[in-house]
């Protein structure tokens, strides 16, 4: 494996060639994107439902664009890939398609159910962290304004895809109705 050793001092290069500490807000954000993409790869590798796996592959490809986008300021190098509003609209369309077959929710869902459903809930949580880190980076960096809405919609998509995975696996979502300990209700 090739290595440069340039990061041994705790710095890394952004796509726009700036050297920044590895704790920099953009590095945190694109590190989260990498983690999310890797987690979705795990889900895909174990998922037996081809339609779920294929949709996750589409999302993973968009996450590579988002990672490159988040690794530089808005101006970035010429030709650098960027998330576009069309990408967010695609995630919205995918979510609407999922919602057509799901019952309306009136309570929070306790993450779990099938293995795929539980992994997708974990991916949703990583996606939300990514969104929070992008919001933090926006305080000091000129970010592509399409990034935050993209991750906001993606977390909703992953949540609903988890519900679909559970339904297809014959697992009912465990809902939380705000009751005290020991009390539970199923949807």
N, C-alpha and C. Protein backbone atom coordinates (compact mmCIF):
# COMPACT_ATOMS: atom_id res chain seq x y z
N UNK A 1 0.84 -1.18 0.00
CA UNK A 1 0.00 0.00 0.00
C UNK A 1 0.89 1.25 0.00
N UNK A 2 0.50 2.22 -0.78
CA UNK A 2 1.25 3.47 -0.83
C UNK A 2 0.85 4.36 0.34
N UNK A 3 1.82 5.03 0.90
CA UNK A 3 1.54 6.02 1.94
C UNK A 3 2.51 7.17 1.76
N UNK A 4 2.07 8.33 2.22
CA UNK A 4 2.91 9.52 2.05
C UNK A 4 3.57 9.94 3.35
N UNK A 5 2.94 9.65 4.47
CA UNK A 5 3.47 10.10 5.76
C UNK A 5 3.20 11.58 6.02
N UNK A 6 2.50 12.24 5.07
CA UNK A 6 2.25 13.68 5.24
C UNK A 6 1.28 13.97 6.38
N UNK A 7 0.50 12.98 6.78
CA UNK A 7 -0.47 13.19 7.85
C UNK A 7 0.04 12.80 9.22
N UNK A 8 1.28 12.40 9.31
CA UNK A 8 1.83 11.94 10.59
C UNK A 8 1.88 13.04 11.65
N UNK A 9 1.86 14.27 11.24
CA UNK A 9 1.88 15.39 12.18
C UNK A 9 0.49 15.87 12.58
N UNK A 10 -0.55 15.14 12.13
CA UNK A 10 -1.91 15.51 12.50
C UNK A 10 -2.60 16.45 11.54
N UNK A 11 -2.04 16.61 10.34
CA UNK A 11 -2.67 17.46 9.33
C UNK A 11 -2.99 16.62 8.10
N UNK A 12 -3.92 17.13 7.30
CA UNK A 12 -4.29 16.49 6.04
C UNK A 12 -4.58 17.56 5.01
N UNK A 13 -4.64 17.16 3.75
CA UNK A 13 -4.94 18.09 2.66
C UNK A 13 -6.41 17.98 2.28
N UNK A 14 -7.03 19.12 2.10
CA UNK A 14 -8.40 19.15 1.56
C UNK A 14 -8.31 19.10 0.04
N UNK A 15 -9.43 18.89 -0.60
CA UNK A 15 -9.47 18.82 -2.05
C UNK A 15 -8.97 20.12 -2.69
N UNK A 16 -9.17 21.24 -1.99
CA UNK A 16 -8.70 22.53 -2.52
C UNK A 16 -7.24 22.80 -2.18
N UNK A 17 -6.50 21.77 -1.73
CA UNK A 17 -5.05 21.79 -1.45
C UNK A 17 -4.66 22.44 -0.13
N UNK A 18 -5.60 22.96 0.63
CA UNK A 18 -5.25 23.51 1.94
C UNK A 18 -4.84 22.39 2.88
N UNK A 19 -3.86 22.68 3.74
CA UNK A 19 -3.48 21.76 4.81
C UNK A 19 -4.21 22.21 6.06
N UNK A 20 -4.91 21.28 6.70
CA UNK A 20 -5.69 21.60 7.90
C UNK A 20 -5.47 20.49 8.93
N UNK A 21 -5.73 20.80 10.22
CA UNK A 21 -5.64 19.74 11.23
C UNK A 21 -6.68 18.66 10.95
N UNK A 22 -6.38 17.44 11.33
CA UNK A 22 -7.32 16.34 11.12
C UNK A 22 -8.58 16.51 11.98
N UNK A 23 -8.57 17.44 12.91
CA UNK A 23 -9.75 17.75 13.72
C UNK A 23 -10.58 18.88 13.11
N UNK A 24 -10.20 19.38 11.95
CA UNK A 24 -10.91 20.46 11.26
C UNK A 24 -12.36 20.04 10.99
N UNK A 25 -13.27 20.99 11.01
CA UNK A 25 -14.70 20.71 10.83
C UNK A 25 -15.00 20.00 9.51
N UNK A 26 -14.33 20.38 8.43
CA UNK A 26 -14.57 19.71 7.16
C UNK A 26 -14.08 18.27 7.19
N UNK A 27 -12.96 18.03 7.86
CA UNK A 27 -12.44 16.67 7.96
C UNK A 27 -13.41 15.81 8.77
N UNK A 28 -13.97 16.38 9.85
CA UNK A 28 -14.99 15.66 10.63
C UNK A 28 -16.17 15.30 9.73
N UNK A 29 -16.62 16.25 8.94
CA UNK A 29 -17.79 16.03 8.09
C UNK A 29 -17.52 14.98 7.03
N UNK A 30 -16.41 15.11 6.30
CA UNK A 30 -16.21 14.12 5.24
C UNK A 30 -15.77 12.78 5.81
N UNK A 31 -15.24 12.75 7.03
CA UNK A 31 -14.99 11.49 7.71
C UNK A 31 -16.29 10.78 8.04
N UNK A 32 -17.29 11.56 8.47
CA UNK A 32 -18.62 10.99 8.72
C UNK A 32 -19.23 10.44 7.43
N UNK A 33 -19.04 11.15 6.34
CA UNK A 33 -19.58 10.70 5.06
C UNK A 33 -18.93 9.37 4.67
N UNK A 34 -17.62 9.27 4.87
CA UNK A 34 -16.91 8.03 4.59
C UNK A 34 -17.43 6.90 5.48
N UNK A 35 -17.65 7.19 6.77
CA UNK A 35 -18.18 6.19 7.69
C UNK A 35 -19.57 5.74 7.24
N UNK A 36 -20.42 6.68 6.87
CA UNK A 36 -21.76 6.35 6.41
C UNK A 36 -21.71 5.48 5.16
N UNK A 37 -20.86 5.85 4.21
CA UNK A 37 -20.73 5.08 2.98
C UNK A 37 -20.25 3.66 3.29
N UNK A 38 -19.29 3.54 4.19
CA UNK A 38 -18.80 2.21 4.56
C UNK A 38 -19.87 1.39 5.26
N UNK A 39 -20.63 2.02 6.14
CA UNK A 39 -21.71 1.33 6.83
C UNK A 39 -22.77 0.84 5.83
N UNK A 40 -23.10 1.67 4.85
CA UNK A 40 -24.06 1.24 3.83
C UNK A 40 -23.51 0.09 3.00
N UNK A 41 -22.18 0.04 2.83
CA UNK A 41 -21.56 -1.10 2.17
C UNK A 41 -21.75 -2.38 2.96
N UNK A 42 -21.66 -2.29 4.28
CA UNK A 42 -21.91 -3.46 5.13
C UNK A 42 -23.36 -3.90 4.99
N UNK A 43 -24.28 -2.94 5.05
CA UNK A 43 -25.70 -3.26 4.92
C UNK A 43 -25.95 -3.95 3.57
N UNK A 44 -25.40 -3.39 2.52
CA UNK A 44 -25.59 -3.95 1.18
C UNK A 44 -25.03 -5.36 1.07
N UNK A 45 -23.87 -5.59 1.70
CA UNK A 45 -23.24 -6.91 1.60
C UNK A 45 -24.05 -8.00 2.29
N UNK A 46 -24.85 -7.63 3.28
CA UNK A 46 -25.63 -8.60 4.04
C UNK A 46 -27.11 -8.64 3.62
N UNK A 47 -27.52 -7.66 2.84
CA UNK A 47 -28.93 -7.53 2.48
C UNK A 47 -29.32 -8.52 1.38
N UNK A 48 -30.39 -9.26 1.61
CA UNK A 48 -30.86 -10.22 0.62
C UNK A 48 -31.91 -9.62 -0.31
N UNK A 49 -32.41 -8.46 0.04
CA UNK A 49 -33.43 -7.79 -0.77
C UNK A 49 -32.72 -6.95 -1.83
N UNK A 50 -32.77 -7.39 -3.07
CA UNK A 50 -32.04 -6.74 -4.17
C UNK A 50 -32.48 -5.29 -4.38
N UNK A 51 -33.76 -4.99 -4.22
CA UNK A 51 -34.20 -3.62 -4.45
C UNK A 51 -33.63 -2.68 -3.39
N UNK A 52 -33.55 -3.15 -2.14
CA UNK A 52 -32.93 -2.35 -1.08
C UNK A 52 -31.45 -2.17 -1.37
N UNK A 53 -30.77 -3.27 -1.71
CA UNK A 53 -29.33 -3.21 -2.00
C UNK A 53 -29.04 -2.28 -3.17
N UNK A 54 -29.85 -2.35 -4.21
CA UNK A 54 -29.63 -1.49 -5.39
C UNK A 54 -29.84 -0.02 -5.05
N UNK A 55 -30.83 0.29 -4.22
CA UNK A 55 -31.05 1.68 -3.85
C UNK A 55 -29.89 2.19 -3.00
N UNK A 56 -29.35 1.32 -2.15
CA UNK A 56 -28.21 1.73 -1.32
C UNK A 56 -26.97 1.98 -2.18
N UNK A 57 -26.79 1.21 -3.23
CA UNK A 57 -25.66 1.45 -4.14
C UNK A 57 -25.79 2.83 -4.79
N UNK A 58 -26.99 3.19 -5.18
CA UNK A 58 -27.22 4.52 -5.74
C UNK A 58 -26.85 5.61 -4.73
N UNK A 59 -27.26 5.40 -3.47
CA UNK A 59 -26.92 6.36 -2.41
C UNK A 59 -25.42 6.40 -2.20
N UNK A 60 -24.76 5.26 -2.20
CA UNK A 60 -23.31 5.23 -2.00
C UNK A 60 -22.58 6.04 -3.08
N UNK A 61 -23.04 5.94 -4.27
CA UNK A 61 -22.41 6.71 -5.36
C UNK A 61 -22.57 8.21 -5.13
N UNK A 62 -23.74 8.61 -4.63
CA UNK A 62 -23.94 10.02 -4.29
C UNK A 62 -23.07 10.43 -3.11
N UNK A 63 -22.83 9.51 -2.18
CA UNK A 63 -21.99 9.84 -1.02
C UNK A 63 -20.53 10.10 -1.43
N UNK A 64 -20.06 9.46 -2.49
CA UNK A 64 -18.71 9.78 -2.98
C UNK A 64 -18.66 11.22 -3.47
N UNK A 65 -19.71 11.65 -4.16
CA UNK A 65 -19.79 13.04 -4.62
C UNK A 65 -19.84 13.96 -3.40
N UNK A 66 -20.67 13.62 -2.42
CA UNK A 66 -20.81 14.46 -1.22
C UNK A 66 -19.50 14.55 -0.45
N UNK A 67 -18.76 13.45 -0.38
CA UNK A 67 -17.47 13.47 0.32
C UNK A 67 -16.47 14.39 -0.35
N UNK A 68 -16.42 14.34 -1.68
CA UNK A 68 -15.53 15.24 -2.41
C UNK A 68 -15.99 16.68 -2.23
N UNK A 69 -17.30 16.88 -2.26
CA UNK A 69 -17.88 18.21 -2.10
C UNK A 69 -17.53 18.77 -0.72
N UNK A 70 -17.65 17.97 0.31
CA UNK A 70 -17.40 18.44 1.68
C UNK A 70 -15.91 18.62 1.98
N UNK A 71 -15.05 18.08 1.12
CA UNK A 71 -13.62 18.19 1.39
C UNK A 71 -12.99 19.45 0.83
N UNK A 72 -13.82 20.39 0.41
CA UNK A 72 -13.30 21.67 -0.05
C UNK A 72 -14.34 22.75 0.17
N UNK A 73 -13.88 23.99 0.18
CA UNK A 73 -14.83 25.10 0.27
C UNK A 73 -15.66 25.16 -1.00
N UNK A 74 -16.68 25.96 -0.97
CA UNK A 74 -17.62 26.07 -2.09
C UNK A 74 -16.90 26.33 -3.41
N UNK A 75 -15.90 27.22 -3.38
CA UNK A 75 -15.21 27.53 -4.64
C UNK A 75 -14.47 26.31 -5.15
N UNK A 76 -13.81 25.54 -4.27
CA UNK A 76 -13.14 24.30 -4.63
C UNK A 76 -12.35 24.37 -5.92
N UNK A 77 -11.70 23.28 -6.30
CA UNK A 77 -10.99 23.24 -7.57
C UNK A 77 -11.98 23.13 -8.73
N UNK A 78 -11.62 23.65 -9.89
CA UNK A 78 -12.51 23.57 -11.06
C UNK A 78 -12.85 22.12 -11.38
N UNK A 79 -14.12 21.85 -11.66
CA UNK A 79 -14.54 20.51 -12.03
C UNK A 79 -14.76 19.56 -10.88
N UNK A 80 -14.56 20.02 -9.64
CA UNK A 80 -14.78 19.14 -8.49
C UNK A 80 -16.25 18.77 -8.41
N UNK A 81 -16.54 17.50 -8.09
CA UNK A 81 -17.95 17.09 -8.01
C UNK A 81 -18.67 17.79 -6.87
N UNK A 82 -19.92 18.10 -7.10
CA UNK A 82 -20.75 18.79 -6.10
C UNK A 82 -22.12 18.14 -6.03
N UNK A 83 -22.67 18.10 -4.84
CA UNK A 83 -24.07 17.69 -4.67
C UNK A 83 -24.93 18.82 -5.22
N UNK A 84 -25.95 18.45 -5.98
CA UNK A 84 -26.85 19.43 -6.59
C UNK A 84 -28.25 19.26 -6.01
N UNK A 85 -29.08 20.29 -6.12
CA UNK A 85 -30.47 20.14 -5.68
C UNK A 85 -31.17 18.95 -6.32
N UNK A 86 -30.79 18.59 -7.55
CA UNK A 86 -31.37 17.42 -8.20
C UNK A 86 -31.09 16.14 -7.41
N UNK A 87 -29.92 16.07 -6.77
CA UNK A 87 -29.58 14.89 -5.96
C UNK A 87 -30.51 14.78 -4.75
N UNK A 88 -30.80 15.92 -4.15
CA UNK A 88 -31.74 15.93 -3.02
C UNK A 88 -33.13 15.56 -3.50
N UNK A 89 -33.52 16.06 -4.65
CA UNK A 89 -34.83 15.71 -5.21
C UNK A 89 -34.92 14.22 -5.49
N UNK A 90 -33.83 13.62 -5.94
CA UNK A 90 -33.82 12.16 -6.18
C UNK A 90 -34.06 11.41 -4.88
N UNK A 91 -33.42 11.83 -3.80
CA UNK A 91 -33.63 11.18 -2.49
C UNK A 91 -35.08 11.38 -2.05
N UNK A 92 -35.64 12.56 -2.29
CA UNK A 92 -37.05 12.80 -1.95
C UNK A 92 -37.97 11.86 -2.72
N UNK A 93 -37.69 11.67 -4.01
CA UNK A 93 -38.50 10.76 -4.83
C UNK A 93 -38.41 9.34 -4.30
N UNK A 94 -37.21 8.92 -3.94
CA UNK A 94 -37.02 7.57 -3.40
C UNK A 94 -37.78 7.40 -2.09
N UNK A 95 -37.78 8.44 -1.26
CA UNK A 95 -38.51 8.39 0.02
C UNK A 95 -40.00 8.32 -0.22
N UNK A 96 -40.52 9.14 -1.14
CA UNK A 96 -41.96 9.12 -1.45
C UNK A 96 -42.39 7.74 -1.94
N UNK A 97 -41.55 7.11 -2.72
CA UNK A 97 -41.85 5.77 -3.21
C UNK A 97 -41.95 4.77 -2.06
N UNK A 98 -41.05 4.89 -1.08
CA UNK A 98 -41.09 4.01 0.09
C UNK A 98 -42.36 4.24 0.91
N UNK A 99 -42.72 5.50 1.08
CA UNK A 99 -43.84 5.86 1.94
C UNK A 99 -45.18 5.36 1.41
N UNK A 100 -45.27 5.15 0.10
CA UNK A 100 -46.52 4.66 -0.49
C UNK A 100 -46.94 3.33 0.09
N UNK A 101 -45.97 2.50 0.49
CA UNK A 101 -46.29 1.18 1.00
C UNK A 101 -46.23 1.05 2.51
N UNK A 102 -46.03 2.15 3.20
CA UNK A 102 -45.87 2.08 4.66
C UNK A 102 -47.06 2.72 5.38
N UNK A 103 -47.42 2.17 6.54
CA UNK A 103 -48.47 2.81 7.32
C UNK A 103 -47.97 4.14 7.89
N UNK A 104 -48.89 5.05 8.14
CA UNK A 104 -48.55 6.35 8.72
C UNK A 104 -48.03 6.15 10.14
N UNK A 105 -46.99 6.85 10.49
CA UNK A 105 -46.42 6.77 11.84
C UNK A 105 -47.05 7.82 12.74
N UNK A 106 -47.29 7.41 13.97
CA UNK A 106 -47.80 8.35 14.97
C UNK A 106 -46.94 8.36 16.22
N UNK A 107 -45.90 7.52 16.23
CA UNK A 107 -45.01 7.40 17.38
C UNK A 107 -43.57 7.27 16.91
N UNK A 108 -42.64 7.44 17.83
CA UNK A 108 -41.24 7.14 17.54
C UNK A 108 -41.07 5.64 17.44
N UNK A 109 -40.06 5.22 16.68
CA UNK A 109 -39.75 3.80 16.55
C UNK A 109 -38.46 3.52 17.30
N UNK A 110 -38.48 2.43 18.06
CA UNK A 110 -37.27 1.97 18.73
C UNK A 110 -36.43 1.26 17.67
N UNK A 111 -35.18 1.71 17.42
CA UNK A 111 -34.37 1.06 16.39
C UNK A 111 -34.21 -0.44 16.66
N UNK A 112 -34.34 -1.21 15.60
CA UNK A 112 -34.21 -2.66 15.73
C UNK A 112 -34.97 -3.36 14.63
N UNK A 113 -35.57 -4.49 14.97
CA UNK A 113 -36.30 -5.28 13.99
C UNK A 113 -35.37 -6.26 13.32
N UNK A 114 -35.37 -6.28 12.01
CA UNK A 114 -34.48 -7.16 11.26
C UNK A 114 -33.05 -6.63 11.32
N UNK A 115 -32.10 -7.49 10.97
CA UNK A 115 -30.70 -7.04 10.95
C UNK A 115 -30.52 -5.86 10.00
N UNK A 116 -31.09 -5.96 8.81
CA UNK A 116 -30.98 -4.86 7.84
C UNK A 116 -31.66 -3.60 8.37
N UNK A 117 -32.84 -3.76 8.95
CA UNK A 117 -33.56 -2.61 9.51
C UNK A 117 -32.76 -1.92 10.60
N UNK A 118 -32.16 -2.71 11.49
CA UNK A 118 -31.36 -2.15 12.58
C UNK A 118 -30.12 -1.44 12.04
N UNK A 119 -29.47 -2.05 11.05
CA UNK A 119 -28.28 -1.43 10.46
C UNK A 119 -28.64 -0.12 9.75
N UNK A 120 -29.79 -0.08 9.11
CA UNK A 120 -30.22 1.15 8.45
C UNK A 120 -30.54 2.24 9.46
N UNK A 121 -31.04 1.88 10.64
CA UNK A 121 -31.26 2.87 11.69
C UNK A 121 -29.92 3.41 12.18
N UNK A 122 -28.91 2.55 12.30
CA UNK A 122 -27.57 3.02 12.67
C UNK A 122 -27.03 3.96 11.59
N UNK A 123 -27.24 3.61 10.33
CA UNK A 123 -26.81 4.48 9.22
C UNK A 123 -27.52 5.83 9.30
N UNK A 124 -28.81 5.82 9.66
CA UNK A 124 -29.56 7.07 9.81
C UNK A 124 -28.92 7.94 10.89
N UNK A 125 -28.51 7.32 12.00
CA UNK A 125 -27.89 8.08 13.09
C UNK A 125 -26.55 8.68 12.63
N UNK A 126 -25.77 7.92 11.88
CA UNK A 126 -24.50 8.43 11.35
C UNK A 126 -24.77 9.56 10.37
N UNK A 127 -25.82 9.43 9.58
CA UNK A 127 -26.21 10.48 8.63
C UNK A 127 -26.56 11.76 9.37
N UNK A 128 -27.29 11.65 10.47
CA UNK A 128 -27.66 12.83 11.26
C UNK A 128 -26.41 13.49 11.86
N UNK A 129 -25.45 12.68 12.31
CA UNK A 129 -24.19 13.24 12.82
C UNK A 129 -23.46 13.97 11.70
N UNK A 130 -23.47 13.39 10.53
CA UNK A 130 -22.84 14.04 9.37
C UNK A 130 -23.47 15.41 9.14
N UNK A 131 -24.78 15.44 9.18
CA UNK A 131 -25.49 16.71 8.99
C UNK A 131 -25.07 17.73 10.06
N UNK A 132 -24.98 17.29 11.31
CA UNK A 132 -24.58 18.21 12.40
C UNK A 132 -23.17 18.73 12.17
N UNK A 133 -22.25 17.87 11.72
CA UNK A 133 -20.88 18.31 11.46
C UNK A 133 -20.82 19.27 10.27
N UNK A 134 -21.66 19.06 9.28
CA UNK A 134 -21.71 20.00 8.16
C UNK A 134 -22.24 21.35 8.61
N UNK A 135 -23.23 21.35 9.49
CA UNK A 135 -23.76 22.61 10.03
C UNK A 135 -22.65 23.33 10.80
N UNK A 136 -21.87 22.59 11.58
CA UNK A 136 -20.75 23.20 12.32
C UNK A 136 -19.70 23.75 11.36
N UNK A 137 -19.41 23.01 10.30
CA UNK A 137 -18.40 23.46 9.33
C UNK A 137 -18.87 24.72 8.60
N UNK A 138 -20.18 24.82 8.41
CA UNK A 138 -20.74 25.99 7.71
C UNK A 138 -20.46 27.29 8.48
N UNK A 139 -20.22 27.18 9.79
CA UNK A 139 -19.92 28.37 10.59
C UNK A 139 -18.57 28.99 10.24
N UNK A 140 -17.66 28.19 9.67
CA UNK A 140 -16.33 28.71 9.37
C UNK A 140 -15.93 28.55 7.90
N UNK A 141 -16.69 27.76 7.15
CA UNK A 141 -16.33 27.46 5.76
C UNK A 141 -17.47 27.83 4.82
N UNK A 142 -17.11 28.15 3.60
CA UNK A 142 -18.11 28.42 2.57
C UNK A 142 -18.49 27.09 1.92
N UNK A 143 -19.55 26.47 2.44
CA UNK A 143 -19.98 25.15 1.96
C UNK A 143 -21.02 25.27 0.86
N UNK A 144 -21.09 24.24 0.05
CA UNK A 144 -22.14 24.11 -0.93
C UNK A 144 -23.48 24.08 -0.17
N UNK A 145 -24.39 25.01 -0.44
CA UNK A 145 -25.65 25.06 0.30
C UNK A 145 -26.55 23.83 0.05
N UNK A 146 -26.24 23.03 -0.95
CA UNK A 146 -27.04 21.84 -1.23
C UNK A 146 -26.68 20.66 -0.32
N UNK A 147 -25.55 20.72 0.36
CA UNK A 147 -25.10 19.58 1.17
C UNK A 147 -26.02 19.29 2.36
N UNK A 148 -26.36 20.29 3.14
CA UNK A 148 -27.14 20.06 4.36
C UNK A 148 -28.54 19.53 4.04
N UNK A 149 -29.28 20.12 3.10
CA UNK A 149 -30.58 19.53 2.75
C UNK A 149 -30.46 18.09 2.23
N UNK A 150 -29.39 17.81 1.49
CA UNK A 150 -29.19 16.45 0.99
C UNK A 150 -29.12 15.45 2.15
N UNK A 151 -28.31 15.76 3.16
CA UNK A 151 -28.17 14.84 4.29
C UNK A 151 -29.43 14.81 5.17
N UNK A 152 -30.13 15.92 5.23
CA UNK A 152 -31.38 15.93 5.98
C UNK A 152 -32.38 14.97 5.32
N UNK A 153 -32.51 15.02 4.01
CA UNK A 153 -33.43 14.14 3.30
C UNK A 153 -32.94 12.69 3.33
N UNK A 154 -31.62 12.52 3.25
CA UNK A 154 -31.07 11.16 3.27
C UNK A 154 -31.37 10.46 4.59
N UNK A 155 -31.33 11.18 5.70
CA UNK A 155 -31.64 10.54 6.98
C UNK A 155 -33.09 10.07 7.00
N UNK A 156 -34.00 10.85 6.43
CA UNK A 156 -35.40 10.43 6.34
C UNK A 156 -35.54 9.20 5.45
N UNK A 157 -34.81 9.20 4.35
CA UNK A 157 -34.84 8.04 3.46
C UNK A 157 -34.37 6.78 4.18
N UNK A 158 -33.24 6.87 4.90
CA UNK A 158 -32.71 5.70 5.60
C UNK A 158 -33.67 5.21 6.68
N UNK A 159 -34.32 6.15 7.36
CA UNK A 159 -35.32 5.79 8.37
C UNK A 159 -36.44 4.97 7.74
N UNK A 160 -36.97 5.47 6.65
CA UNK A 160 -38.09 4.79 6.00
C UNK A 160 -37.66 3.51 5.30
N UNK A 161 -36.44 3.47 4.79
CA UNK A 161 -35.93 2.23 4.20
C UNK A 161 -35.80 1.15 5.28
N UNK A 162 -35.44 1.56 6.49
CA UNK A 162 -35.39 0.63 7.62
C UNK A 162 -36.77 0.04 7.88
N UNK A 163 -37.77 0.88 7.85
CA UNK A 163 -39.14 0.41 8.06
C UNK A 163 -39.54 -0.59 6.97
N UNK A 164 -39.18 -0.31 5.73
CA UNK A 164 -39.48 -1.22 4.62
C UNK A 164 -38.74 -2.54 4.82
N UNK A 165 -37.47 -2.47 5.18
CA UNK A 165 -36.68 -3.70 5.39
C UNK A 165 -37.31 -4.55 6.49
N UNK A 166 -37.75 -3.91 7.56
CA UNK A 166 -38.39 -4.65 8.65
C UNK A 166 -39.70 -5.29 8.17
N UNK A 167 -40.48 -4.53 7.44
CA UNK A 167 -41.76 -5.05 6.93
C UNK A 167 -41.53 -6.26 6.03
N UNK A 168 -40.58 -6.15 5.13
CA UNK A 168 -40.30 -7.25 4.19
C UNK A 168 -39.74 -8.48 4.91
N UNK A 169 -39.08 -8.26 6.05
CA UNK A 169 -38.53 -9.37 6.85
C UNK A 169 -39.57 -9.93 7.82
N UNK A 170 -40.77 -9.36 7.80
CA UNK A 170 -41.82 -9.84 8.69
C UNK A 170 -41.64 -9.39 10.14
N UNK A 171 -40.90 -8.32 10.35
CA UNK A 171 -40.66 -7.79 11.70
C UNK A 171 -41.47 -6.52 11.88
N UNK A 172 -42.25 -6.48 12.94
CA UNK A 172 -43.01 -5.26 13.25
C UNK A 172 -42.09 -4.25 13.91
N UNK A 173 -42.26 -2.98 13.56
CA UNK A 173 -41.52 -1.92 14.22
C UNK A 173 -42.01 -1.80 15.66
N UNK A 174 -41.07 -1.68 16.56
CA UNK A 174 -41.39 -1.45 17.97
C UNK A 174 -41.53 0.05 18.15
N UNK A 175 -42.72 0.49 18.50
CA UNK A 175 -42.94 1.92 18.66
C UNK A 175 -42.78 2.33 20.12
N UNK A 176 -42.35 3.54 20.30
CA UNK A 176 -42.24 4.12 21.63
C UNK A 176 -43.35 5.15 21.73
N UNK A 177 -44.18 5.00 22.74
CA UNK A 177 -45.33 5.89 22.85
C UNK A 177 -45.18 6.91 23.97
N UNK A 178 -44.00 7.01 24.53
CA UNK A 178 -43.76 7.98 25.59
C UNK A 178 -44.12 7.47 26.97
N UNK A 179 -44.52 6.22 27.04
CA UNK A 179 -44.90 5.66 28.33
C UNK A 179 -43.67 5.42 29.20
N UNK A 180 -43.92 5.16 30.46
CA UNK A 180 -42.83 4.90 31.40
C UNK A 180 -42.23 3.53 31.16
N UNK A 181 -41.14 3.25 31.85
CA UNK A 181 -40.43 1.98 31.71
C UNK A 181 -41.36 0.79 31.87
N UNK A 182 -41.02 -0.26 31.10
CA UNK A 182 -41.77 -1.50 31.20
C UNK A 182 -43.04 -1.53 30.37
N UNK A 183 -43.49 -0.40 29.94
CA UNK A 183 -44.73 -0.32 29.17
C UNK A 183 -44.35 -0.21 27.69
N UNK A 184 -45.01 -1.00 26.83
CA UNK A 184 -44.71 -0.91 25.41
C UNK A 184 -45.94 -1.22 24.58
N UNK A 185 -45.89 -0.75 23.36
CA UNK A 185 -47.01 -0.93 22.44
C UNK A 185 -46.46 -1.23 21.06
N UNK A 186 -47.07 -2.11 20.33
CA UNK A 186 -46.64 -2.42 18.96
C UNK A 186 -47.56 -1.73 17.97
N UNK A 187 -46.99 -1.39 16.81
CA UNK A 187 -47.83 -0.79 15.76
C UNK A 187 -48.58 -1.85 15.01
